[in-house]
Structures are given as C-alpha cells and as structure tokens.
C-alpha cells in the first residue's frame, strides 16, 4: 500500500499537485518535509517531527 503524501504545513494531499517538493529536514536530516506549492509560495511555517526545527525562516 502506498502512503499518501501530505503537506507538512497545511496537511493537503499533494498527490499530482504541481510544484510540490519533498526534502530532508535541513537541521537533522532524519525527517521528511513535504511542501505544497501554495505553502511554499506563502512561506507557511513547517516543523520537523524529529528535532523541532521550524522553517522556512
């Protein structure tokens, strides 16, 4: 079974959404951060579940 990917910030399902990205936490490199285009454009905050790092600023 394939796990549905959701935006870390807004919890929107990003399957087939253009402009979505997935990357490792820039602080700990342990958790996966998933961002939809809208949250990336707005600069919405995300928090790493492993270390508590928050971004994008």
N, C-alpha and C. Protein backbone atom coordinates (compact mmCIF):
# COMPACT_ATOMS: atom_id res chain seq x y z
N UNK A 1 0.84 -1.19 0.00
CA UNK A 1 0.00 0.00 0.00
C UNK A 1 0.88 1.24 0.00
N UNK A 2 0.57 2.20 -0.85
CA UNK A 2 1.34 3.43 -0.96
C UNK A 2 0.78 4.46 0.01
N UNK A 3 1.67 5.07 0.77
CA UNK A 3 1.26 6.10 1.73
C UNK A 3 1.01 7.41 0.99
N UNK A 4 -0.12 8.05 1.27
CA UNK A 4 -0.41 9.34 0.66
C UNK A 4 0.48 10.41 1.27
N UNK A 5 1.06 11.22 0.43
CA UNK A 5 1.91 12.31 0.90
C UNK A 5 1.04 13.53 1.17
N UNK A 6 1.26 14.16 2.32
CA UNK A 6 0.52 15.37 2.65
C UNK A 6 1.50 16.48 3.00
N UNK A 7 1.11 17.70 2.72
CA UNK A 7 1.92 18.86 3.03
C UNK A 7 2.13 18.95 4.54
N UNK A 8 3.36 19.14 4.96
CA UNK A 8 3.69 19.24 6.37
C UNK A 8 3.00 20.43 7.03
N UNK A 9 2.77 21.51 6.27
CA UNK A 9 2.17 22.72 6.83
C UNK A 9 0.64 22.67 6.87
N UNK A 10 0.00 22.39 5.72
CA UNK A 10 -1.46 22.50 5.64
C UNK A 10 -2.18 21.16 5.59
N UNK A 11 -1.43 20.07 5.53
CA UNK A 11 -1.98 18.71 5.51
C UNK A 11 -2.77 18.37 4.25
N UNK A 12 -2.61 19.15 3.18
CA UNK A 12 -3.25 18.87 1.90
C UNK A 12 -2.56 17.69 1.23
N UNK A 13 -3.34 16.79 0.64
CA UNK A 13 -2.78 15.68 -0.12
C UNK A 13 -2.09 16.25 -1.35
N UNK A 14 -0.82 15.96 -1.53
CA UNK A 14 -0.07 16.57 -2.63
C UNK A 14 0.05 15.66 -3.86
N UNK A 15 -0.63 14.52 -3.85
CA UNK A 15 -0.58 13.62 -5.00
C UNK A 15 -0.97 14.37 -6.26
N UNK A 16 -0.09 14.38 -7.22
CA UNK A 16 -0.32 15.01 -8.53
C UNK A 16 -0.46 16.52 -8.48
N UNK A 17 -0.02 17.16 -7.41
CA UNK A 17 -0.05 18.62 -7.35
C UNK A 17 1.26 19.17 -7.89
N UNK A 18 1.16 20.02 -8.87
CA UNK A 18 2.33 20.64 -9.48
C UNK A 18 3.01 21.58 -8.49
N UNK A 19 4.33 21.57 -8.47
CA UNK A 19 5.09 22.49 -7.64
C UNK A 19 5.34 22.01 -6.22
N UNK A 20 4.91 20.80 -5.89
CA UNK A 20 5.15 20.26 -4.56
C UNK A 20 6.58 19.74 -4.45
N UNK A 21 7.14 19.80 -3.25
CA UNK A 21 8.51 19.31 -3.04
C UNK A 21 8.58 18.45 -1.79
N UNK A 22 9.61 17.63 -1.74
CA UNK A 22 9.87 16.76 -0.61
C UNK A 22 11.38 16.82 -0.36
N UNK A 23 11.77 17.06 0.91
CA UNK A 23 13.19 17.14 1.24
C UNK A 23 13.42 16.74 2.69
N UNK A 24 14.64 16.40 3.01
CA UNK A 24 15.00 16.05 4.39
C UNK A 24 15.11 17.32 5.22
N UNK A 25 14.87 17.20 6.50
CA UNK A 25 15.00 18.34 7.41
C UNK A 25 16.40 18.92 7.28
N UNK A 26 16.52 20.24 7.08
CA UNK A 26 17.83 20.86 6.93
C UNK A 26 18.66 20.84 8.22
N UNK A 27 18.02 20.59 9.35
CA UNK A 27 18.74 20.58 10.63
C UNK A 27 19.24 19.18 11.01
N UNK A 28 18.35 18.18 10.99
CA UNK A 28 18.73 16.84 11.47
C UNK A 28 18.86 15.79 10.37
N UNK A 29 18.31 16.06 9.22
CA UNK A 29 18.37 15.14 8.07
C UNK A 29 17.66 13.81 8.34
N UNK A 30 16.79 13.75 9.36
CA UNK A 30 16.11 12.50 9.71
C UNK A 30 14.68 12.44 9.19
N UNK A 31 13.94 13.53 9.31
CA UNK A 31 12.54 13.56 8.88
C UNK A 31 12.39 14.12 7.49
N UNK A 32 11.30 13.71 6.85
CA UNK A 32 10.98 14.19 5.52
C UNK A 32 10.00 15.36 5.65
N UNK A 33 10.30 16.47 5.00
CA UNK A 33 9.42 17.63 4.96
C UNK A 33 8.76 17.63 3.58
N UNK A 34 7.43 17.76 3.56
CA UNK A 34 6.68 17.79 2.31
C UNK A 34 5.98 19.13 2.24
N UNK A 35 6.11 19.81 1.11
CA UNK A 35 5.52 21.15 0.96
C UNK A 35 4.71 21.25 -0.33
N UNK A 36 3.50 21.77 -0.25
CA UNK A 36 2.70 22.02 -1.45
C UNK A 36 3.10 23.38 -2.02
N UNK A 37 2.74 23.62 -3.26
CA UNK A 37 3.10 24.86 -3.93
C UNK A 37 2.56 26.08 -3.18
N UNK A 38 1.32 25.99 -2.71
CA UNK A 38 0.69 27.13 -2.04
C UNK A 38 1.45 27.52 -0.77
N UNK A 39 1.80 26.54 0.05
CA UNK A 39 2.54 26.83 1.28
C UNK A 39 3.94 27.34 0.99
N UNK A 40 4.57 26.82 -0.06
CA UNK A 40 5.88 27.33 -0.46
C UNK A 40 5.77 28.79 -0.88
N UNK A 41 4.75 29.10 -1.66
CA UNK A 41 4.55 30.46 -2.16
C UNK A 41 4.26 31.44 -1.02
N UNK A 42 3.45 31.00 -0.05
CA UNK A 42 3.08 31.86 1.08
C UNK A 42 4.16 31.91 2.16
N UNK A 43 5.10 30.98 2.12
CA UNK A 43 6.13 30.91 3.16
C UNK A 43 5.59 30.39 4.47
N UNK A 44 4.61 29.49 4.39
CA UNK A 44 3.99 28.92 5.59
C UNK A 44 5.00 28.11 6.41
N UNK A 45 4.86 28.19 7.71
CA UNK A 45 5.77 27.53 8.64
C UNK A 45 5.59 26.01 8.61
N UNK A 46 6.69 25.29 8.76
CA UNK A 46 6.67 23.84 8.95
C UNK A 46 7.54 23.51 10.15
N UNK A 47 7.29 22.38 10.78
CA UNK A 47 8.07 21.94 11.94
C UNK A 47 8.49 20.49 11.72
N UNK A 48 9.76 20.21 11.94
CA UNK A 48 10.30 18.85 11.84
C UNK A 48 9.80 18.04 13.03
N UNK A 49 9.27 16.85 12.75
CA UNK A 49 8.76 15.99 13.82
C UNK A 49 9.87 15.35 14.63
N UNK A 50 11.07 15.27 14.09
CA UNK A 50 12.18 14.63 14.80
C UNK A 50 12.91 15.57 15.75
N UNK A 51 13.22 16.78 15.27
CA UNK A 51 14.07 17.67 16.08
C UNK A 51 13.40 18.99 16.47
N UNK A 52 12.22 19.29 15.91
CA UNK A 52 11.52 20.52 16.25
C UNK A 52 11.95 21.73 15.46
N UNK A 53 12.88 21.55 14.52
CA UNK A 53 13.32 22.67 13.67
C UNK A 53 12.11 23.22 12.93
N UNK A 54 12.01 24.56 12.86
CA UNK A 54 10.92 25.17 12.10
C UNK A 54 11.48 26.05 11.01
N UNK A 55 10.77 26.10 9.92
CA UNK A 55 11.18 26.90 8.78
C UNK A 55 9.95 27.48 8.13
N UNK A 56 10.08 28.21 7.09
CA UNK A 56 11.26 28.41 6.28
C UNK A 56 12.21 29.49 6.78
N UNK A 57 11.82 30.30 7.74
CA UNK A 57 12.71 31.40 8.17
C UNK A 57 13.28 31.14 9.54
